[in-house]
């Protein structure tokens, strides 16, 4: 039998072009999540997400969509522990985009969160977390916003 010829295709891009494309993709994804899923921004026109927020950073008001980040975490990642109170600059409100997160109280599973669930709201009130939150899927993606 004749050996089949293998071909290899190569794509060469300048790093700056690749970074620009990745940033544009991240922005589109963030805007979509904010307008379709995040409770506080759901249904808002995209133009509002490009407006300055009330949050001051480096002497000016930060654009609303820039307050949010998308983070991917591995299995067993602990978002927060029951009873802890994080400082405002470390505390986050999160929207689970994909994956599964177990909530445990005193080691007992209380709930398993799936896509679209929010977590970490205790931080808004400065309260200790009611549960520990642990990623139990191979990975999870969350949309986060700092409490600060």
N, C-alpha and C. Protein backbone atom coordinates (compact mmCIF):
# COMPACT_ATOMS: atom_id res chain seq x y z
N UNK A 1 0.85 -1.18 0.00
CA UNK A 1 0.00 0.00 0.00
C UNK A 1 0.88 1.23 0.00
N UNK A 2 0.48 2.17 -0.78
CA UNK A 2 1.25 3.42 -0.88
C UNK A 2 0.99 4.28 0.35
N UNK A 3 2.03 4.87 0.85
CA UNK A 3 1.91 5.76 2.00
C UNK A 3 1.26 7.07 1.56
N UNK A 4 0.31 7.51 2.34
CA UNK A 4 -0.35 8.77 2.01
C UNK A 4 0.54 9.93 2.42
N UNK A 5 0.59 10.94 1.58
CA UNK A 5 1.38 12.13 1.89
C UNK A 5 0.64 12.97 2.92
N UNK A 6 1.37 13.38 3.93
CA UNK A 6 0.77 14.25 4.94
C UNK A 6 1.15 15.68 4.63
N UNK A 7 0.23 16.57 4.83
CA UNK A 7 0.55 17.98 4.62
C UNK A 7 0.34 18.72 5.94
N UNK A 8 1.09 19.74 6.10
CA UNK A 8 1.00 20.57 7.29
C UNK A 8 0.73 21.99 6.85
N UNK A 9 -0.28 22.60 7.44
CA UNK A 9 -0.58 23.99 7.13
C UNK A 9 -0.09 24.85 8.29
N UNK A 10 0.48 25.97 7.95
CA UNK A 10 1.02 26.87 8.96
C UNK A 10 0.39 28.24 8.80
N UNK A 11 0.02 28.83 9.90
CA UNK A 11 -0.50 30.19 9.92
C UNK A 11 0.49 31.05 10.67
N UNK A 12 0.97 32.07 10.03
CA UNK A 12 1.94 32.96 10.66
C UNK A 12 1.26 34.30 10.87
N UNK A 13 1.23 34.74 12.11
CA UNK A 13 0.62 36.02 12.44
C UNK A 13 1.57 36.83 13.31
N UNK A 14 1.58 38.12 13.12
CA UNK A 14 2.34 38.93 14.07
C UNK A 14 1.69 38.84 15.46
N UNK A 15 2.48 38.81 16.50
CA UNK A 15 1.96 38.69 17.87
C UNK A 15 0.96 39.79 18.16
N UNK A 16 1.24 41.00 17.72
CA UNK A 16 0.33 42.13 17.98
C UNK A 16 -1.05 41.87 17.38
N UNK A 17 -1.10 41.30 16.18
CA UNK A 17 -2.38 40.99 15.54
C UNK A 17 -3.14 39.92 16.30
N UNK A 18 -2.43 38.90 16.74
CA UNK A 18 -3.05 37.83 17.52
C UNK A 18 -3.60 38.37 18.83
N UNK A 19 -2.82 39.18 19.53
CA UNK A 19 -3.29 39.76 20.80
C UNK A 19 -4.52 40.64 20.58
N UNK A 20 -4.51 41.42 19.51
CA UNK A 20 -5.67 42.28 19.21
C UNK A 20 -6.91 41.44 18.97
N UNK A 21 -6.76 40.35 18.21
CA UNK A 21 -7.89 39.46 17.93
C UNK A 21 -8.41 38.82 19.23
N UNK A 22 -7.52 38.36 20.08
CA UNK A 22 -7.93 37.74 21.35
C UNK A 22 -8.63 38.74 22.26
N UNK A 23 -8.15 39.98 22.29
CA UNK A 23 -8.79 41.01 23.11
C UNK A 23 -10.18 41.34 22.58
N UNK A 24 -10.33 41.42 21.25
CA UNK A 24 -11.64 41.68 20.66
C UNK A 24 -12.61 40.54 20.97
N UNK A 25 -12.13 39.30 20.88
CA UNK A 25 -12.97 38.13 21.18
C UNK A 25 -13.40 38.17 22.65
N UNK A 26 -12.47 38.48 23.54
CA UNK A 26 -12.78 38.56 24.96
C UNK A 26 -13.81 39.66 25.23
N UNK A 27 -13.67 40.80 24.59
CA UNK A 27 -14.62 41.89 24.77
C UNK A 27 -16.01 41.48 24.29
N UNK A 28 -16.10 40.87 23.11
CA UNK A 28 -17.40 40.43 22.59
C UNK A 28 -18.06 39.44 23.54
N UNK A 29 -17.27 38.49 24.05
CA UNK A 29 -17.81 37.49 24.97
C UNK A 29 -18.30 38.15 26.26
N UNK A 30 -17.50 39.07 26.81
CA UNK A 30 -17.87 39.76 28.05
C UNK A 30 -19.15 40.58 27.85
N UNK A 31 -19.25 41.32 26.74
CA UNK A 31 -20.45 42.12 26.47
C UNK A 31 -21.69 41.25 26.33
N UNK A 32 -21.54 40.11 25.66
CA UNK A 32 -22.67 39.19 25.50
C UNK A 32 -23.12 38.65 26.86
N UNK A 33 -22.18 38.23 27.68
CA UNK A 33 -22.53 37.71 29.00
C UNK A 33 -23.21 38.77 29.86
N UNK A 34 -22.70 39.98 29.80
CA UNK A 34 -23.28 41.05 30.61
C UNK A 34 -24.69 41.40 30.16
N UNK A 35 -24.91 41.44 28.85
CA UNK A 35 -26.23 41.85 28.36
C UNK A 35 -27.26 40.72 28.41
N UNK A 36 -26.80 39.47 28.43
CA UNK A 36 -27.75 38.35 28.41
C UNK A 36 -27.90 37.61 29.74
N UNK A 37 -26.87 37.64 30.60
CA UNK A 37 -26.91 36.75 31.76
C UNK A 37 -26.67 37.40 33.12
N UNK A 38 -25.79 38.39 33.21
CA UNK A 38 -25.46 38.94 34.53
C UNK A 38 -26.66 39.75 35.03
N UNK A 39 -27.23 39.39 36.20
CA UNK A 39 -28.49 40.01 36.64
C UNK A 39 -28.50 41.55 36.65
N UNK A 40 -27.44 42.18 37.11
CA UNK A 40 -27.45 43.64 37.23
C UNK A 40 -27.34 44.36 35.89
N UNK A 41 -26.87 43.67 34.84
CA UNK A 41 -26.71 44.32 33.54
C UNK A 41 -27.56 43.67 32.45
N UNK A 42 -28.29 42.63 32.80
CA UNK A 42 -29.10 41.89 31.83
C UNK A 42 -30.11 42.81 31.16
N UNK A 43 -30.17 42.76 29.84
CA UNK A 43 -31.14 43.54 29.09
C UNK A 43 -30.72 44.98 28.81
N UNK A 44 -29.61 45.41 29.36
CA UNK A 44 -29.15 46.77 29.08
C UNK A 44 -28.59 46.85 27.66
N UNK A 45 -28.79 47.99 27.02
CA UNK A 45 -28.22 48.15 25.67
C UNK A 45 -26.68 48.11 25.76
N UNK A 46 -26.05 47.61 24.72
CA UNK A 46 -24.59 47.50 24.71
C UNK A 46 -23.92 48.85 24.94
N UNK A 47 -24.51 49.91 24.43
CA UNK A 47 -23.92 51.25 24.59
C UNK A 47 -23.72 51.59 26.06
N UNK A 48 -24.65 51.17 26.92
CA UNK A 48 -24.52 51.44 28.36
C UNK A 48 -23.31 50.73 28.96
N UNK A 49 -22.96 49.58 28.43
CA UNK A 49 -21.83 48.81 28.94
C UNK A 49 -20.49 49.47 28.58
N UNK A 50 -20.53 50.41 27.63
CA UNK A 50 -19.33 51.15 27.22
C UNK A 50 -19.22 52.49 27.95
N UNK A 51 -20.21 52.82 28.78
CA UNK A 51 -20.20 54.09 29.49
C UNK A 51 -19.37 53.99 30.77
N UNK A 52 -18.90 55.14 31.27
CA UNK A 52 -18.14 55.12 32.53
C UNK A 52 -19.03 54.65 33.69
N UNK A 53 -18.43 53.87 34.57
CA UNK A 53 -19.12 53.40 35.77
C UNK A 53 -18.89 54.41 36.89
N UNK A 54 -19.36 54.09 38.09
CA UNK A 54 -19.10 54.95 39.25
C UNK A 54 -17.77 54.63 39.91
N UNK A 55 -17.09 53.58 39.43
CA UNK A 55 -15.83 53.14 40.03
C UNK A 55 -14.67 53.98 39.49
N UNK A 56 -13.89 54.53 40.41
CA UNK A 56 -12.73 55.34 40.05
C UNK A 56 -11.47 54.46 40.07
N UNK A 57 -10.71 54.51 38.99
CA UNK A 57 -9.42 53.82 38.91
C UNK A 57 -8.43 54.75 38.22
N UNK A 58 -7.29 54.93 38.83
CA UNK A 58 -6.26 55.80 38.27
C UNK A 58 -6.78 57.20 37.97
N UNK A 59 -7.64 57.70 38.85
CA UNK A 59 -8.12 59.07 38.73
C UNK A 59 -9.26 59.30 37.76
N UNK A 60 -9.77 58.25 37.14
CA UNK A 60 -10.92 58.44 36.24
C UNK A 60 -11.91 57.29 36.42
N UNK A 61 -13.11 57.51 35.92
CA UNK A 61 -14.15 56.49 36.05
C UNK A 61 -13.91 55.37 35.04
N UNK A 62 -13.92 54.15 35.55
CA UNK A 62 -13.67 52.97 34.70
C UNK A 62 -14.91 52.65 33.86
N UNK A 63 -14.69 52.26 32.61
CA UNK A 63 -15.78 51.84 31.74
C UNK A 63 -16.43 50.60 32.35
N UNK A 64 -17.77 50.55 32.32
CA UNK A 64 -18.53 49.50 33.00
C UNK A 64 -18.05 48.09 32.64
N UNK A 65 -17.92 47.76 31.36
CA UNK A 65 -17.57 46.38 30.98
C UNK A 65 -16.17 46.00 31.45
N UNK A 66 -15.30 46.97 31.69
CA UNK A 66 -13.93 46.66 32.13
C UNK A 66 -13.86 46.28 33.61
N UNK A 67 -14.95 46.44 34.32
CA UNK A 67 -14.99 46.03 35.73
C UNK A 67 -15.07 44.51 35.85
N UNK A 68 -15.44 43.84 34.77
CA UNK A 68 -15.67 42.39 34.77
C UNK A 68 -14.51 41.65 34.12
N UNK A 69 -14.25 40.44 34.62
CA UNK A 69 -13.24 39.57 34.05
C UNK A 69 -13.82 38.17 33.88
N UNK A 70 -13.25 37.44 32.93
CA UNK A 70 -13.62 36.04 32.74
C UNK A 70 -12.43 35.21 33.19
N UNK A 71 -12.71 34.23 34.03
CA UNK A 71 -11.64 33.42 34.61
C UNK A 71 -11.98 31.95 34.43
N UNK A 72 -10.96 31.15 34.05
CA UNK A 72 -11.13 29.70 33.96
C UNK A 72 -10.34 29.08 35.10
N UNK A 73 -10.97 28.16 35.81
CA UNK A 73 -10.34 27.52 36.96
C UNK A 73 -10.38 26.00 36.80
N UNK A 74 -9.41 25.29 37.41
CA UNK A 74 -9.37 23.83 37.31
C UNK A 74 -10.24 23.16 38.39
N UNK A 75 -10.44 21.86 38.22
CA UNK A 75 -11.14 21.05 39.24
C UNK A 75 -10.45 21.25 40.59
N UNK A 76 -11.22 21.26 41.65
CA UNK A 76 -10.80 21.43 43.03
C UNK A 76 -10.42 22.87 43.40
N UNK A 77 -10.59 23.79 42.46
CA UNK A 77 -10.31 25.20 42.78
C UNK A 77 -11.32 25.67 43.83
N UNK A 78 -10.83 26.31 44.88
CA UNK A 78 -11.72 26.81 45.93
C UNK A 78 -11.90 28.30 45.73
N UNK A 79 -13.13 28.69 45.44
CA UNK A 79 -13.45 30.10 45.23
C UNK A 79 -13.40 30.86 46.55
N UNK A 80 -13.97 30.28 47.58
CA UNK A 80 -13.94 30.87 48.92
C UNK A 80 -14.32 29.79 49.93
N UNK A 81 -13.98 30.05 51.20
CA UNK A 81 -14.25 29.10 52.29
C UNK A 81 -15.36 29.60 53.20
N UNK A 82 -16.13 28.65 53.68
CA UNK A 82 -17.20 28.98 54.63
C UNK A 82 -16.59 29.71 55.82
N UNK A 83 -17.25 30.79 56.23
CA UNK A 83 -16.84 31.52 57.41
C UNK A 83 -15.81 32.62 57.17
N UNK A 84 -15.14 32.61 56.02
CA UNK A 84 -14.14 33.66 55.78
C UNK A 84 -14.81 34.92 55.24
N UNK A 85 -14.21 36.04 55.56
CA UNK A 85 -14.64 37.33 55.02
C UNK A 85 -13.41 37.92 54.33
N UNK A 86 -13.48 38.03 53.03
CA UNK A 86 -12.35 38.55 52.27
C UNK A 86 -12.38 40.08 52.27
N UNK A 87 -11.21 40.72 52.22
CA UNK A 87 -11.20 42.17 52.08
C UNK A 87 -11.84 42.56 50.74
N UNK A 88 -12.43 43.74 50.68
CA UNK A 88 -13.15 44.16 49.47
C UNK A 88 -12.33 44.03 48.20
N UNK A 89 -11.03 44.30 48.27
CA UNK A 89 -10.22 44.23 47.05
C UNK A 89 -9.96 42.79 46.59
N UNK A 90 -10.24 41.82 47.43
CA UNK A 90 -10.07 40.41 47.05
C UNK A 90 -11.40 39.70 46.83
N UNK A 91 -12.48 40.24 47.39
CA UNK A 91 -13.81 39.61 47.29
C UNK A 91 -14.43 39.87 45.91
N UNK A 92 -15.11 38.85 45.40
CA UNK A 92 -15.73 38.95 44.07
C UNK A 92 -17.13 38.37 44.07
N UNK A 93 -17.97 38.95 43.23
CA UNK A 93 -19.26 38.36 42.91
C UNK A 93 -19.04 37.62 41.60
N UNK A 94 -19.57 36.41 41.48
CA UNK A 94 -19.29 35.57 40.30
C UNK A 94 -20.56 35.01 39.67
N UNK A 95 -20.50 34.89 38.35
CA UNK A 95 -21.55 34.24 37.58
C UNK A 95 -20.90 33.03 36.93
N UNK A 96 -21.42 31.85 37.22
CA UNK A 96 -20.87 30.61 36.66
C UNK A 96 -21.32 30.49 35.20
N UNK A 97 -20.35 30.53 34.30
CA UNK A 97 -20.64 30.45 32.86
C UNK A 97 -20.68 29.01 32.38
N UNK A 98 -19.76 28.19 32.89
CA UNK A 98 -19.75 26.78 32.53
C UNK A 98 -19.06 26.01 33.65
N UNK A 99 -19.48 24.77 33.81
CA UNK A 99 -18.90 23.93 34.85
C UNK A 99 -19.86 23.71 36.00
N UNK A 100 -19.34 23.08 37.06
CA UNK A 100 -20.14 22.78 38.24
C UNK A 100 -19.36 23.19 39.48
N UNK A 101 -20.04 23.82 40.40
CA UNK A 101 -19.43 24.27 41.66
C UNK A 101 -20.29 23.74 42.80
N UNK A 102 -19.65 23.03 43.73
CA UNK A 102 -20.36 22.53 44.90
C UNK A 102 -20.26 23.55 46.03
N UNK A 103 -21.39 23.73 46.70
CA UNK A 103 -21.41 24.53 47.92
C UNK A 103 -21.46 23.55 49.08
N UNK A 104 -20.53 23.72 50.03
CA UNK A 104 -20.47 22.84 51.19
C UNK A 104 -20.54 23.66 52.47
N UNK A 105 -21.29 23.13 53.43
CA UNK A 105 -21.35 23.71 54.77
C UNK A 105 -20.92 22.64 55.75
N UNK A 106 -19.87 22.93 56.50
CA UNK A 106 -19.30 21.97 57.45
C UNK A 106 -19.03 20.62 56.80
N UNK A 107 -18.54 20.65 55.56
CA UNK A 107 -18.17 19.43 54.85
C UNK A 107 -19.31 18.71 54.16
N UNK A 108 -20.54 19.16 54.35
CA UNK A 108 -21.70 18.52 53.73
C UNK A 108 -22.11 19.30 52.49
N UNK A 109 -22.35 18.56 51.40
CA UNK A 109 -22.78 19.22 50.16
C UNK A 109 -24.19 19.78 50.37
N UNK A 110 -24.32 21.08 50.12
CA UNK A 110 -25.59 21.77 50.28
C UNK A 110 -26.26 21.97 48.93
N UNK A 111 -25.45 22.22 47.89
CA UNK A 111 -25.99 22.48 46.55
C UNK A 111 -24.87 22.31 45.53
N UNK A 112 -25.27 22.04 44.30
CA UNK A 112 -24.33 22.04 43.18
C UNK A 112 -24.83 23.07 42.18
N UNK A 113 -24.00 24.09 41.95
CA UNK A 113 -24.36 25.17 41.04
C UNK A 113 -23.97 24.79 39.61
N UNK A 114 -24.80 25.22 38.66
CA UNK A 114 -24.54 24.98 37.24
C UNK A 114 -24.57 26.32 36.49
N UNK A 115 -24.41 26.23 35.18
CA UNK A 115 -24.35 27.43 34.34
C UNK A 115 -25.46 28.43 34.68
N UNK A 116 -25.07 29.68 34.82
CA UNK A 116 -26.02 30.76 35.09
C UNK A 116 -26.19 31.09 36.56
N UNK A 117 -25.62 30.29 37.45
CA UNK A 117 -25.76 30.54 38.89
C UNK A 117 -24.78 31.63 39.32
N UNK A 118 -25.21 32.41 40.30
CA UNK A 118 -24.30 33.41 40.85
C UNK A 118 -23.85 32.95 42.23
N UNK A 119 -22.69 33.46 42.65
CA UNK A 119 -22.16 33.07 43.96
C UNK A 119 -21.29 34.20 44.50
N UNK A 120 -21.15 34.20 45.81
CA UNK A 120 -20.30 35.18 46.46
C UNK A 120 -21.01 36.46 46.89
N UNK A 121 -22.32 36.47 46.86
CA UNK A 121 -23.05 37.71 47.17
C UNK A 121 -22.89 38.17 48.62
N UNK A 122 -22.47 37.27 49.51
CA UNK A 122 -22.25 37.66 50.90
C UNK A 122 -21.23 38.81 50.99
N UNK A 123 -20.29 38.81 50.05
CA UNK A 123 -19.22 39.82 50.06
C UNK A 123 -19.75 41.23 49.89
N UNK A 124 -20.89 41.39 49.22
CA UNK A 124 -21.47 42.71 49.06
C UNK A 124 -21.87 43.33 50.39
N UNK A 125 -22.25 42.50 51.33
CA UNK A 125 -22.69 42.97 52.65
C UNK A 125 -21.57 42.90 53.68
N UNK A 126 -20.39 42.43 53.26
CA UNK A 126 -19.29 42.28 54.19
C UNK A 126 -19.48 41.13 55.17
N UNK A 127 -20.35 40.19 54.80
CA UNK A 127 -20.65 39.04 55.66
C UNK A 127 -19.70 37.88 55.37
N UNK A 128 -19.50 37.00 56.34
CA UNK A 128 -18.73 35.77 56.07
C UNK A 128 -19.51 34.89 55.09
N UNK A 129 -18.78 34.11 54.30
CA UNK A 129 -19.43 33.22 53.35
C UNK A 129 -20.19 32.13 54.10
N UNK A 130 -21.40 31.83 53.63
CA UNK A 130 -22.23 30.81 54.26
C UNK A 130 -21.77 29.40 53.94
N UNK A 131 -21.07 29.24 52.80
CA UNK A 131 -20.61 27.92 52.34
C UNK A 131 -19.20 28.05 51.79
N UNK A 132 -18.57 26.91 51.59
CA UNK A 132 -17.35 26.86 50.78
C UNK A 132 -17.80 26.57 49.35
N UNK A 133 -17.11 27.13 48.36
CA UNK A 133 -17.46 26.92 46.95
C UNK A 133 -16.26 26.32 46.24
N UNK A 134 -16.46 25.09 45.69
CA UNK A 134 -15.36 24.34 45.08
C UNK A 134 -15.77 23.86 43.68
N UNK A 135 -14.86 24.02 42.72
CA UNK A 135 -15.10 23.52 41.36
C UNK A 135 -15.02 22.00 41.38
N UNK A 136 -16.08 21.34 40.89
CA UNK A 136 -16.10 19.88 40.87
C UNK A 136 -16.14 19.31 39.46
N UNK A 137 -16.17 20.16 38.45
CA UNK A 137 -16.11 19.71 37.06
C UNK A 137 -14.64 19.78 36.62
N UNK A 138 -14.30 19.23 35.45
CA UNK A 138 -12.90 19.29 35.01
C UNK A 138 -12.34 20.73 35.01
N UNK A 139 -13.20 21.68 34.71
CA UNK A 139 -12.85 23.10 34.81
C UNK A 139 -14.15 23.89 34.89
N UNK A 140 -14.03 25.16 35.21
CA UNK A 140 -15.20 26.04 35.25
C UNK A 140 -14.77 27.41 34.76
N UNK A 141 -15.72 28.11 34.16
CA UNK A 141 -15.47 29.50 33.73
C UNK A 141 -16.46 30.38 34.46
N UNK A 142 -15.94 31.48 34.99
CA UNK A 142 -16.78 32.42 35.73
C UNK A 142 -16.55 33.84 35.25
N UNK A 143 -17.61 34.61 35.29
CA UNK A 143 -17.54 36.05 35.05
C UNK A 143 -17.46 36.67 36.43
N UNK A 144 -16.45 37.50 36.69
CA UNK A 144 -16.24 38.04 38.02
C UNK A 144 -16.27 39.56 38.01
N UNK A 145 -16.67 40.12 39.15
CA UNK A 145 -16.54 41.55 39.38
C UNK A 145 -16.11 41.72 40.83
N UNK A 146 -15.15 42.58 41.02
CA UNK A 146 -14.63 42.84 42.37
C UNK A 146 -15.66 43.62 43.18
N UNK A 147 -15.72 43.37 44.46
CA UNK A 147 -16.61 44.10 45.35
C UNK A 147 -16.09 45.52 45.56
N UNK A 148 -14.78 45.71 45.47
CA UNK A 148 -14.17 47.03 45.70
C UNK A 148 -14.54 48.01 44.61
